[in-house]
């Protein structure tokens, strides 16, 4: 008998400590210990899509608000963070289910969606309609605007009410850890 999985969406403020601990444990495992405290902090304060198999958390994605600068204009952006599916549940469409829920949140509340991803996930996001940012990336830092060349070719956007020039400059707001 196959158990049914369920995606539940909640704001960080509405998640109890047990659910948050389960999400952090899932992310630590999924990223093979390469998920830092800063990465965790980046995933908080917004909406979480959590995939449950009974009482076991098997998938997570979150969307938080950020400000991105496009052609000198600040754009309210739903930024996707902490997307992961437990190894034992991969290749079953669960990432698609999580992203469908995250994209629903983005379309309902933001002018643009954005994320930074690994090379392995490019095809996944492109197939969902996310567009690769082809222009240079920057970050607003405590010392001013700085180039983030290492992020070039890894940032994707999902146009909602803003249709950006994908070859232009894109600048993210400052945060500790990985700025993108």
N, C-alpha and C. Protein backbone atom coordinates (compact mmCIF):
# COMPACT_ATOMS: atom_id res chain seq x y z
N UNK A 1 0.84 -1.17 0.00
CA UNK A 1 0.00 0.00 0.00
C UNK A 1 0.89 1.25 0.00
N UNK A 2 0.64 2.16 -0.93
CA UNK A 2 1.42 3.39 -1.05
C UNK A 2 0.80 4.48 -0.19
N UNK A 3 1.64 5.14 0.60
CA UNK A 3 1.17 6.24 1.42
C UNK A 3 1.09 7.50 0.57
N UNK A 4 0.16 8.35 0.92
CA UNK A 4 -0.02 9.61 0.21
C UNK A 4 0.85 10.68 0.86
N UNK A 5 1.48 11.46 0.02
CA UNK A 5 2.22 12.60 0.52
C UNK A 5 1.34 13.83 0.40
N UNK A 6 1.63 14.83 1.23
CA UNK A 6 0.82 16.05 1.26
C UNK A 6 1.75 17.25 1.38
N UNK A 7 1.51 18.27 0.54
CA UNK A 7 2.25 19.53 0.65
C UNK A 7 1.42 20.47 1.51
N UNK A 8 2.06 20.98 2.55
CA UNK A 8 1.43 21.98 3.41
C UNK A 8 2.25 23.26 3.35
N UNK A 9 1.58 24.39 3.28
CA UNK A 9 2.24 25.68 3.19
C UNK A 9 1.94 26.48 4.45
N UNK A 10 3.00 27.08 5.02
CA UNK A 10 2.82 27.90 6.22
C UNK A 10 3.93 28.92 6.31
N UNK A 11 3.63 30.03 6.96
CA UNK A 11 4.63 31.04 7.23
C UNK A 11 5.52 30.54 8.37
N UNK A 12 6.76 31.00 8.39
CA UNK A 12 7.68 30.61 9.45
C UNK A 12 7.04 30.81 10.83
N UNK A 13 6.35 31.91 11.03
CA UNK A 13 5.74 32.21 12.33
C UNK A 13 4.70 31.18 12.76
N UNK A 14 4.15 30.44 11.79
CA UNK A 14 3.11 29.46 12.09
C UNK A 14 3.63 28.04 12.22
N UNK A 15 4.93 27.85 12.08
CA UNK A 15 5.51 26.51 12.21
C UNK A 15 5.98 26.29 13.64
N UNK A 16 5.67 25.14 14.16
CA UNK A 16 6.12 24.84 15.52
C UNK A 16 7.58 24.41 15.51
N UNK A 17 8.24 24.42 16.65
CA UNK A 17 9.66 24.06 16.71
C UNK A 17 9.98 22.68 16.15
N UNK A 18 9.06 21.74 16.27
CA UNK A 18 9.29 20.39 15.75
C UNK A 18 9.36 20.40 14.22
N UNK A 19 8.46 21.13 13.57
CA UNK A 19 8.47 21.22 12.10
C UNK A 19 9.72 21.93 11.62
N UNK A 20 10.11 23.01 12.32
CA UNK A 20 11.33 23.72 11.93
C UNK A 20 12.56 22.84 12.10
N UNK A 21 12.61 22.08 13.18
CA UNK A 21 13.74 21.17 13.40
C UNK A 21 13.78 20.09 12.33
N UNK A 22 12.62 19.58 11.93
CA UNK A 22 12.56 18.57 10.88
C UNK A 22 13.06 19.15 9.55
N UNK A 23 12.68 20.39 9.27
CA UNK A 23 13.13 21.03 8.02
C UNK A 23 14.64 21.21 8.04
N UNK A 24 15.18 21.69 9.15
CA UNK A 24 16.64 21.89 9.22
C UNK A 24 17.37 20.56 9.07
N UNK A 25 16.88 19.52 9.71
CA UNK A 25 17.52 18.19 9.60
C UNK A 25 17.46 17.68 8.16
N UNK A 26 16.33 17.84 7.50
CA UNK A 26 16.19 17.42 6.10
C UNK A 26 17.19 18.16 5.22
N UNK A 27 17.30 19.46 5.40
CA UNK A 27 18.20 20.27 4.58
C UNK A 27 19.66 19.92 4.85
N UNK A 28 20.01 19.70 6.11
CA UNK A 28 21.38 19.28 6.43
C UNK A 28 21.73 17.98 5.72
N UNK A 29 20.80 17.03 5.76
CA UNK A 29 21.04 15.73 5.11
C UNK A 29 21.08 15.86 3.59
N UNK A 30 20.12 16.59 3.03
CA UNK A 30 20.03 16.70 1.58
C UNK A 30 21.23 17.41 0.97
N UNK A 31 21.81 18.36 1.71
CA UNK A 31 22.96 19.09 1.20
C UNK A 31 24.28 18.53 1.73
N UNK A 32 24.25 17.29 2.23
CA UNK A 32 25.45 16.58 2.69
C UNK A 32 26.30 17.43 3.64
N UNK A 33 25.65 18.08 4.58
CA UNK A 33 26.37 18.88 5.56
C UNK A 33 26.86 20.21 5.05
N UNK A 34 26.52 20.58 3.80
CA UNK A 34 26.95 21.85 3.22
C UNK A 34 25.81 22.88 3.26
N UNK A 35 25.02 22.82 4.31
CA UNK A 35 23.92 23.75 4.52
C UNK A 35 24.22 24.50 5.81
N UNK A 36 24.64 25.76 5.67
CA UNK A 36 25.14 26.52 6.81
C UNK A 36 24.02 27.16 7.63
N UNK A 37 24.42 27.68 8.78
CA UNK A 37 23.47 28.45 9.59
C UNK A 37 22.95 29.66 8.82
N UNK A 38 23.81 30.28 8.02
CA UNK A 38 23.36 31.40 7.18
C UNK A 38 22.33 30.93 6.16
N UNK A 39 22.57 29.77 5.54
CA UNK A 39 21.61 29.22 4.58
C UNK A 39 20.25 29.02 5.25
N UNK A 40 20.27 28.49 6.46
CA UNK A 40 19.04 28.27 7.22
C UNK A 40 18.35 29.60 7.50
N UNK A 41 19.12 30.56 7.96
CA UNK A 41 18.57 31.89 8.25
C UNK A 41 17.91 32.49 7.00
N UNK A 42 18.51 32.28 5.84
CA UNK A 42 17.96 32.82 4.59
C UNK A 42 16.60 32.22 4.25
N UNK A 43 16.34 31.02 4.72
CA UNK A 43 15.09 30.35 4.38
C UNK A 43 13.93 30.72 5.30
N UNK A 44 14.21 31.50 6.34
CA UNK A 44 13.19 31.84 7.34
C UNK A 44 12.57 33.20 7.07
N UNK A 45 11.37 33.40 7.61
CA UNK A 45 10.69 34.69 7.52
C UNK A 45 9.73 34.81 6.37
N UNK A 46 9.50 33.73 5.68
CA UNK A 46 8.57 33.73 4.55
C UNK A 46 7.69 32.50 4.60
N UNK A 47 7.28 32.07 3.42
CA UNK A 47 6.39 30.91 3.30
C UNK A 47 7.20 29.64 3.02
N UNK A 48 6.82 28.57 3.70
CA UNK A 48 7.46 27.26 3.54
C UNK A 48 6.47 26.31 2.88
N UNK A 49 6.91 25.62 1.86
CA UNK A 49 6.16 24.50 1.29
C UNK A 49 6.84 23.26 1.84
N UNK A 50 6.08 22.45 2.57
CA UNK A 50 6.66 21.28 3.21
C UNK A 50 5.89 20.04 2.77
N UNK A 51 6.63 19.06 2.29
CA UNK A 51 6.05 17.81 1.79
C UNK A 51 6.17 16.76 2.87
N UNK A 52 5.03 16.28 3.31
CA UNK A 52 4.96 15.29 4.39
C UNK A 52 4.52 13.94 3.84
N UNK A 53 5.18 12.89 4.30
CA UNK A 53 4.78 11.51 4.06
C UNK A 53 4.38 10.98 5.43
N UNK A 54 3.09 11.06 5.73
CA UNK A 54 2.64 10.78 7.09
C UNK A 54 3.18 11.85 8.01
N UNK A 55 3.92 11.45 9.04
CA UNK A 55 4.50 12.45 9.94
C UNK A 55 5.98 12.69 9.66
N UNK A 56 6.47 12.20 8.51
CA UNK A 56 7.86 12.40 8.13
C UNK A 56 7.96 13.50 7.07
N UNK A 57 8.80 14.48 7.34
CA UNK A 57 9.05 15.54 6.36
C UNK A 57 10.01 15.01 5.32
N UNK A 58 9.59 15.03 4.05
CA UNK A 58 10.43 14.49 2.97
C UNK A 58 10.78 15.53 1.92
N UNK A 59 10.27 16.76 2.05
CA UNK A 59 10.61 17.80 1.10
C UNK A 59 10.35 19.17 1.68
N UNK A 60 11.14 20.14 1.22
CA UNK A 60 11.01 21.51 1.72
C UNK A 60 11.43 22.50 0.65
N UNK A 61 10.77 23.64 0.62
CA UNK A 61 11.18 24.80 -0.17
C UNK A 61 10.57 26.02 0.51
N UNK A 62 11.26 27.14 0.44
CA UNK A 62 10.68 28.35 1.01
C UNK A 62 10.84 29.50 0.03
N UNK A 63 10.01 30.51 0.24
CA UNK A 63 10.09 31.74 -0.54
C UNK A 63 10.05 32.90 0.45
N UNK A 64 11.06 33.77 0.35
CA UNK A 64 11.18 34.93 1.23
C UNK A 64 11.23 36.19 0.38
N UNK A 65 10.83 37.30 0.97
CA UNK A 65 10.88 38.55 0.22
C UNK A 65 12.28 39.13 0.22
N UNK A 66 12.70 39.57 -0.96
CA UNK A 66 13.95 40.31 -1.14
C UNK A 66 13.70 41.45 -2.10
N UNK A 67 14.61 42.40 -2.12
CA UNK A 67 14.58 43.48 -3.09
C UNK A 67 15.72 43.25 -4.06
N UNK A 68 15.40 43.15 -5.34
CA UNK A 68 16.42 43.08 -6.38
C UNK A 68 16.34 44.37 -7.17
N UNK A 69 17.50 44.85 -7.61
CA UNK A 69 17.55 46.03 -8.45
C UNK A 69 17.71 45.60 -9.89
N UNK A 70 16.78 46.04 -10.73
CA UNK A 70 16.80 45.78 -12.17
C UNK A 70 16.73 47.12 -12.86
N UNK A 71 17.75 47.44 -13.63
CA UNK A 71 17.80 48.73 -14.35
C UNK A 71 17.49 49.89 -13.42
N UNK A 72 18.05 49.85 -12.21
CA UNK A 72 17.89 50.93 -11.25
C UNK A 72 16.57 50.95 -10.51
N UNK A 73 15.72 49.96 -10.73
CA UNK A 73 14.41 49.89 -10.07
C UNK A 73 14.41 48.76 -9.05
N UNK A 74 13.96 49.07 -7.82
CA UNK A 74 13.82 48.04 -6.80
C UNK A 74 12.56 47.24 -7.09
N UNK A 75 12.70 45.92 -7.15
CA UNK A 75 11.59 45.03 -7.49
C UNK A 75 11.34 44.09 -6.31
N UNK A 76 10.07 44.05 -5.85
CA UNK A 76 9.67 43.13 -4.78
C UNK A 76 9.73 41.70 -5.34
N UNK A 77 10.61 40.92 -4.76
CA UNK A 77 10.93 39.61 -5.32
C UNK A 77 10.67 38.49 -4.32
N UNK A 78 10.02 37.45 -4.78
CA UNK A 78 9.89 36.22 -4.01
C UNK A 78 11.11 35.37 -4.31
N UNK A 79 12.00 35.24 -3.33
CA UNK A 79 13.27 34.56 -3.53
C UNK A 79 13.18 33.14 -2.97
N UNK A 80 13.48 32.17 -3.79
CA UNK A 80 13.34 30.76 -3.41
C UNK A 80 14.61 30.29 -2.70
N UNK A 81 14.41 29.63 -1.58
CA UNK A 81 15.50 29.13 -0.75
C UNK A 81 15.23 27.69 -0.32
N UNK A 82 16.29 27.00 0.02
CA UNK A 82 16.23 25.73 0.75
C UNK A 82 15.31 24.70 0.10
N UNK A 83 15.51 24.45 -1.18
CA UNK A 83 14.73 23.44 -1.89
C UNK A 83 15.44 22.10 -1.78
N UNK A 84 14.74 21.12 -1.23
CA UNK A 84 15.35 19.79 -1.06
C UNK A 84 14.28 18.73 -0.92
N UNK A 85 14.61 17.54 -1.40
CA UNK A 85 13.78 16.36 -1.22
C UNK A 85 14.68 15.27 -0.64
N UNK A 86 14.18 14.55 0.32
CA UNK A 86 14.95 13.46 0.93
C UNK A 86 15.38 12.48 -0.15
N UNK A 87 16.60 11.96 -0.02
CA UNK A 87 17.17 11.07 -1.04
C UNK A 87 16.23 9.90 -1.35
N UNK A 88 15.58 9.36 -0.35
CA UNK A 88 14.71 8.20 -0.54
C UNK A 88 13.41 8.53 -1.28
N UNK A 89 13.14 9.80 -1.49
CA UNK A 89 11.90 10.22 -2.14
C UNK A 89 12.13 10.97 -3.46
N UNK A 90 13.35 11.01 -3.92
CA UNK A 90 13.66 11.75 -5.15
C UNK A 90 13.18 10.99 -6.39
N UNK A 91 13.03 11.74 -7.46
CA UNK A 91 12.62 11.22 -8.78
C UNK A 91 11.18 10.71 -8.78
N UNK A 92 10.35 11.31 -7.90
CA UNK A 92 8.94 10.96 -7.84
C UNK A 92 8.04 12.16 -8.07
N UNK A 93 8.60 13.26 -8.58
CA UNK A 93 7.81 14.45 -8.83
C UNK A 93 7.62 15.35 -7.62
N UNK A 94 8.31 15.05 -6.53
CA UNK A 94 8.12 15.84 -5.31
C UNK A 94 8.70 17.24 -5.43
N UNK A 95 9.83 17.39 -6.11
CA UNK A 95 10.39 18.72 -6.34
C UNK A 95 9.44 19.57 -7.14
N UNK A 96 8.79 18.97 -8.12
CA UNK A 96 7.79 19.67 -8.93
C UNK A 96 6.62 20.12 -8.07
N UNK A 97 6.17 19.27 -7.18
CA UNK A 97 5.05 19.63 -6.30
C UNK A 97 5.42 20.78 -5.39
N UNK A 98 6.63 20.75 -4.84
CA UNK A 98 7.07 21.84 -3.98
C UNK A 98 7.17 23.15 -4.76
N UNK A 99 7.78 23.09 -5.94
CA UNK A 99 7.94 24.31 -6.73
C UNK A 99 6.60 24.85 -7.23
N UNK A 100 5.65 24.00 -7.51
CA UNK A 100 4.32 24.46 -7.91
C UNK A 100 3.72 25.31 -6.80
N UNK A 101 3.88 24.88 -5.58
CA UNK A 101 3.34 25.64 -4.45
C UNK A 101 4.11 26.94 -4.24
N UNK A 102 5.43 26.89 -4.33
CA UNK A 102 6.25 28.09 -4.19
C UNK A 102 5.91 29.10 -5.29
N UNK A 103 5.74 28.62 -6.51
CA UNK A 103 5.40 29.50 -7.63
C UNK A 103 4.02 30.12 -7.46
N UNK A 104 3.10 29.39 -6.85
CA UNK A 104 1.77 29.95 -6.54
C UNK A 104 1.93 31.15 -5.60
N UNK A 105 2.76 30.99 -4.58
CA UNK A 105 3.01 32.09 -3.64
C UNK A 105 3.64 33.27 -4.37
N UNK A 106 4.62 33.01 -5.21
CA UNK A 106 5.29 34.08 -5.96
C UNK A 106 4.29 34.82 -6.84
N UNK A 107 3.49 34.09 -7.60
CA UNK A 107 2.52 34.72 -8.50
C UNK A 107 1.47 35.52 -7.72
N UNK A 108 1.18 35.12 -6.51
CA UNK A 108 0.17 35.81 -5.72
C UNK A 108 0.67 37.02 -4.95
N UNK A 109 1.98 37.13 -4.77
CA UNK A 109 2.45 38.19 -3.88
C UNK A 109 3.66 38.99 -4.32
N UNK A 110 4.23 38.68 -5.46
CA UNK A 110 5.48 39.33 -5.85
C UNK A 110 5.45 39.76 -7.31
N UNK A 111 6.37 40.68 -7.64
CA UNK A 111 6.50 41.14 -9.02
C UNK A 111 7.42 40.24 -9.83
N UNK A 112 8.25 39.47 -9.12
CA UNK A 112 9.27 38.64 -9.77
C UNK A 112 9.64 37.52 -8.82
N UNK A 113 9.97 36.38 -9.37
CA UNK A 113 10.57 35.30 -8.59
C UNK A 113 12.04 35.23 -8.95
N UNK A 114 12.88 34.77 -8.03
CA UNK A 114 14.31 34.60 -8.32
C UNK A 114 14.87 33.50 -7.44
N UNK A 115 15.97 32.93 -7.90
CA UNK A 115 16.68 31.92 -7.15
C UNK A 115 18.09 31.77 -7.71
N UNK A 116 18.94 31.19 -6.91
CA UNK A 116 20.29 30.83 -7.36
C UNK A 116 20.38 29.32 -7.22
N UNK A 117 20.95 28.67 -8.22
CA UNK A 117 20.94 27.21 -8.21
C UNK A 117 22.28 26.63 -8.65
N UNK A 118 22.42 25.36 -8.39
CA UNK A 118 23.60 24.61 -8.84
C UNK A 118 23.44 24.25 -10.30
N UNK A 119 24.54 23.88 -10.93
CA UNK A 119 24.50 23.48 -12.35
C UNK A 119 23.55 22.30 -12.56
N UNK A 120 23.48 21.39 -11.60
CA UNK A 120 22.66 20.18 -11.75
C UNK A 120 21.17 20.48 -11.87
N UNK A 121 20.72 21.63 -11.34
CA UNK A 121 19.29 21.92 -11.33
C UNK A 121 18.85 22.87 -12.45
N UNK A 122 19.76 23.30 -13.30
CA UNK A 122 19.40 24.25 -14.37
C UNK A 122 18.23 23.74 -15.21
N UNK A 123 18.30 22.50 -15.68
CA UNK A 123 17.25 21.97 -16.56
C UNK A 123 15.90 21.92 -15.85
N UNK A 124 15.91 21.58 -14.57
CA UNK A 124 14.67 21.50 -13.79
C UNK A 124 13.96 22.85 -13.79
N UNK A 125 14.68 23.92 -13.45
CA UNK A 125 14.06 25.24 -13.37
C UNK A 125 13.69 25.77 -14.76
N UNK A 126 14.54 25.56 -15.73
CA UNK A 126 14.25 26.02 -17.09
C UNK A 126 12.97 25.36 -17.61
N UNK A 127 12.78 24.09 -17.34
CA UNK A 127 11.59 23.37 -17.80
C UNK A 127 10.32 23.91 -17.15
N UNK A 128 10.45 24.56 -16.01
CA UNK A 128 9.31 25.12 -15.29
C UNK A 128 9.02 26.56 -15.70
N UNK A 129 9.79 27.09 -16.64
CA UNK A 129 9.56 28.46 -17.10
C UNK A 129 10.43 29.51 -16.45
N UNK A 130 11.32 29.09 -15.57
CA UNK A 130 12.27 30.03 -15.00
C UNK A 130 13.29 30.38 -16.08
N UNK A 131 13.73 31.64 -16.09
CA UNK A 131 14.63 32.11 -17.14
C UNK A 131 16.01 32.40 -16.55
N UNK A 132 17.02 31.89 -17.23
CA UNK A 132 18.40 32.11 -16.81
C UNK A 132 18.76 33.58 -16.99
N UNK A 133 19.31 34.20 -15.94
CA UNK A 133 19.79 35.57 -16.04
C UNK A 133 21.13 35.53 -16.75
N UNK A 134 21.23 36.18 -17.91
CA UNK A 134 22.44 36.13 -18.73
C UNK A 134 23.38 37.30 -18.48
N UNK A 135 22.87 38.34 -17.82
CA UNK A 135 23.69 39.52 -17.55
C UNK A 135 24.53 39.37 -16.29
N UNK A 136 25.29 40.40 -15.97
CA UNK A 136 26.15 40.36 -14.79
C UNK A 136 25.36 40.50 -13.49
N UNK A 137 25.86 39.86 -12.43
CA UNK A 137 25.24 39.91 -11.12
C UNK A 137 26.06 40.78 -10.17
N UNK A 138 25.35 41.43 -9.26
CA UNK A 138 25.96 42.32 -8.27
C UNK A 138 25.24 42.14 -6.94
N UNK A 139 25.84 42.70 -5.88
CA UNK A 139 25.19 42.75 -4.57
C UNK A 139 25.46 44.10 -3.94
N UNK A 140 24.44 44.60 -3.24
CA UNK A 140 24.62 45.79 -2.42
C UNK A 140 25.30 45.31 -1.14
N UNK A 141 26.51 45.77 -0.87
CA UNK A 141 27.26 45.35 0.31
C UNK A 141 27.43 46.54 1.25
N UNK A 142 27.90 46.30 2.46
CA UNK A 142 28.16 47.43 3.37
C UNK A 142 29.16 48.44 2.81
N UNK A 143 29.96 48.03 1.82
CA UNK A 143 30.96 48.92 1.21
C UNK A 143 30.52 49.45 -0.14
N UNK A 144 29.29 49.19 -0.52
CA UNK A 144 28.78 49.64 -1.81
C UNK A 144 28.41 48.46 -2.70
N UNK A 145 28.11 48.75 -3.95
CA UNK A 145 27.72 47.69 -4.89
C UNK A 145 28.97 46.96 -5.35
N UNK A 146 28.93 45.62 -5.26
CA UNK A 146 30.07 44.79 -5.64
C UNK A 146 29.64 43.74 -6.65
N UNK A 147 30.51 43.46 -7.57
CA UNK A 147 30.28 42.43 -8.59
C UNK A 147 30.32 41.06 -7.92
N UNK A 148 29.44 40.14 -8.37
CA UNK A 148 29.39 38.76 -7.86
C UNK A 148 29.55 37.79 -9.03
N UNK A 149 30.72 37.83 -9.67
CA UNK A 149 30.96 37.03 -10.88
C UNK A 149 30.70 35.55 -10.70
N UNK A 150 30.99 35.02 -9.52
CA UNK A 150 30.80 33.59 -9.28
C UNK A 150 29.34 33.16 -9.42
N UNK A 151 28.42 34.10 -9.33
CA UNK A 151 27.00 33.79 -9.45
C UNK A 151 26.48 33.89 -10.88
N UNK A 152 27.27 34.50 -11.76
CA UNK A 152 26.85 34.61 -13.16
C UNK A 152 26.55 33.22 -13.71
N UNK A 153 25.44 33.10 -14.40
CA UNK A 153 25.05 31.82 -14.98
C UNK A 153 24.34 30.89 -14.02
N UNK A 154 24.08 31.34 -12.78
CA UNK A 154 23.40 30.50 -11.81
C UNK A 154 22.14 31.11 -11.23
N UNK A 155 21.79 32.31 -11.68
CA UNK A 155 20.60 33.00 -11.18
C UNK A 155 19.48 32.84 -12.20
N UNK A 156 18.30 32.47 -11.70
CA UNK A 156 17.11 32.34 -12.53
C UNK A 156 16.03 33.28 -12.02
N UNK A 157 15.21 33.77 -12.93
CA UNK A 157 14.08 34.61 -12.56
C UNK A 157 12.79 34.05 -13.15
N UNK A 158 11.70 34.36 -12.48
CA UNK A 158 10.37 33.98 -12.95
C UNK A 158 9.55 35.27 -13.05
N UNK A 159 9.38 35.79 -14.27
CA UNK A 159 8.62 37.04 -14.42
C UNK A 159 7.17 36.87 -13.97
N UNK A 160 6.68 37.86 -13.24
CA UNK A 160 5.27 37.90 -12.84
C UNK A 160 4.68 39.17 -13.45
N UNK A 161 4.87 40.32 -12.81
CA UNK A 161 4.38 41.58 -13.38
C UNK A 161 5.51 42.41 -13.98
N UNK A 162 6.73 41.92 -13.85
CA UNK A 162 7.91 42.59 -14.40
C UNK A 162 8.53 41.66 -15.43
N UNK A 163 8.81 42.19 -16.62
CA UNK A 163 9.51 41.42 -17.65
C UNK A 163 10.90 42.02 -17.80
N UNK A 164 11.88 41.43 -17.16
CA UNK A 164 13.22 42.04 -17.15
C UNK A 164 14.01 41.77 -18.42
N UNK A 165 14.99 42.63 -18.64
CA UNK A 165 15.99 42.41 -19.69
C UNK A 165 17.01 41.43 -19.11
N UNK A 166 16.96 40.20 -19.54
CA UNK A 166 17.79 39.14 -18.96
C UNK A 166 19.28 39.33 -19.21
N UNK A 167 19.64 40.25 -20.08
CA UNK A 167 21.06 40.50 -20.33
C UNK A 167 21.57 41.73 -19.58
N UNK A 168 20.68 42.39 -18.83
CA UNK A 168 21.07 43.56 -18.06
C UNK A 168 21.71 43.18 -16.74
N UNK A 169 21.94 44.19 -15.93
CA UNK A 169 22.50 43.98 -14.60
C UNK A 169 21.39 43.63 -13.61
N UNK A 170 21.72 42.75 -12.66
CA UNK A 170 20.81 42.43 -11.57
C UNK A 170 21.61 42.52 -10.28
N UNK A 171 21.00 43.17 -9.28
CA UNK A 171 21.68 43.40 -8.01
C UNK A 171 20.78 42.94 -6.88
N UNK A 172 21.33 42.13 -5.98
CA UNK A 172 20.56 41.67 -4.83
C UNK A 172 20.88 42.51 -3.60
N UNK A 173 19.99 42.46 -2.62
CA UNK A 173 20.21 43.13 -1.35
C UNK A 173 21.25 42.35 -0.53
N UNK A 174 21.76 42.98 0.50
CA UNK A 174 22.81 42.39 1.33
C UNK A 174 22.25 41.43 2.36
N UNK A 175 23.00 40.39 2.64
CA UNK A 175 22.75 39.47 3.75
C UNK A 175 24.04 38.75 4.05
N UNK A 176 24.18 38.24 5.25
CA UNK A 176 25.37 37.48 5.62
C UNK A 176 25.38 36.14 4.89
N UNK A 177 26.55 35.56 4.73
CA UNK A 177 26.67 34.29 4.02
C UNK A 177 26.61 34.51 2.52
N UNK A 178 26.09 33.53 1.81
CA UNK A 178 25.93 33.67 0.36
C UNK A 178 24.89 34.75 0.07
N UNK A 179 25.31 35.80 -0.65
CA UNK A 179 24.35 36.87 -0.92
C UNK A 179 23.30 36.46 -1.92
N UNK A 180 23.64 35.59 -2.85
CA UNK A 180 22.66 35.04 -3.78
C UNK A 180 22.22 33.74 -3.23
